């Protein structure tokens, strides 16, 4: 996936001038809020007292 994306991004002026490509990195940031929302849809509070 990384190699597929690297070929799509770059400066067209630099490519036209024949410059070497610069290193490029991609980071995947998960949608934690969306994951937690889906996970907690069926959660109900129990209102039970915890023993300490």
Protein backbone atom coordinates (compact mmCIF):
# COMPACT_ATOMS: atom_id res chain seq x y z
CA UNK A 1 0.00 0.00 0.00
CA UNK A 2 2.82 2.42 0.87
CA UNK A 3 4.56 1.89 -2.47
CA UNK A 4 1.28 2.40 -4.32
CA UNK A 5 0.72 5.77 -2.63
CA UNK A 6 4.29 7.02 -3.08
CA UNK A 7 3.88 6.88 -6.85
CA UNK A 8 0.77 9.06 -6.71
CA UNK A 9 2.19 11.91 -4.63
CA UNK A 10 5.03 14.21 -5.61
CA UNK A 11 5.94 17.58 -7.00
CA UNK A 12 5.29 17.70 -10.75
CA UNK A 13 7.86 20.51 -11.19
CA UNK A 14 10.56 18.42 -9.51
CA UNK A 15 9.69 15.40 -11.64
CA UNK A 16 9.83 17.51 -14.81
CA UNK A 17 13.24 18.90 -13.77
CA UNK A 18 14.53 15.34 -13.25
CA UNK A 19 15.24 15.76 -9.55
CA UNK A 20 15.50 12.73 -7.29
CA UNK A 21 12.32 12.00 -5.34
CA UNK A 22 12.38 12.91 -1.68
CA UNK A 23 11.52 10.33 0.98
CA UNK A 24 7.80 10.18 1.63
CA UNK A 25 6.02 8.63 4.60
CA UNK A 26 2.37 7.93 5.32
CA UNK A 27 0.77 7.45 8.72
CA UNK A 28 -2.58 5.78 9.34
CA UNK A 29 -4.50 7.32 12.25
CA UNK A 30 -7.47 5.17 13.26
CA UNK A 31 -10.85 6.75 13.94
CA UNK A 32 -10.95 5.84 17.63
CA UNK A 33 -14.06 7.92 18.28
CA UNK A 34 -15.98 6.04 15.60
CA UNK A 35 -14.69 2.68 16.81
CA UNK A 36 -15.65 3.43 20.41
CA UNK A 37 -19.08 4.71 19.37
CA UNK A 38 -19.85 1.47 17.53
CA UNK A 39 -18.47 -0.60 20.41
CA UNK A 40 -20.55 1.21 23.04
CA UNK A 41 -23.92 1.24 21.27
CA UNK A 42 -25.30 -1.64 23.31
CA UNK A 43 -23.64 -0.67 26.62
CA UNK A 44 -26.00 -0.03 29.52
CA UNK A 45 -24.97 1.14 33.01
CA UNK A 46 -25.50 -1.45 35.75
CA UNK A 47 -25.66 0.90 38.75
CA UNK A 48 -24.16 -1.84 40.90
CA UNK A 49 -21.98 -0.80 43.83
CA UNK A 50 -18.41 -1.99 43.70
CA UNK A 51 -16.84 -3.42 46.80
CA UNK A 52 -13.64 -1.68 47.82
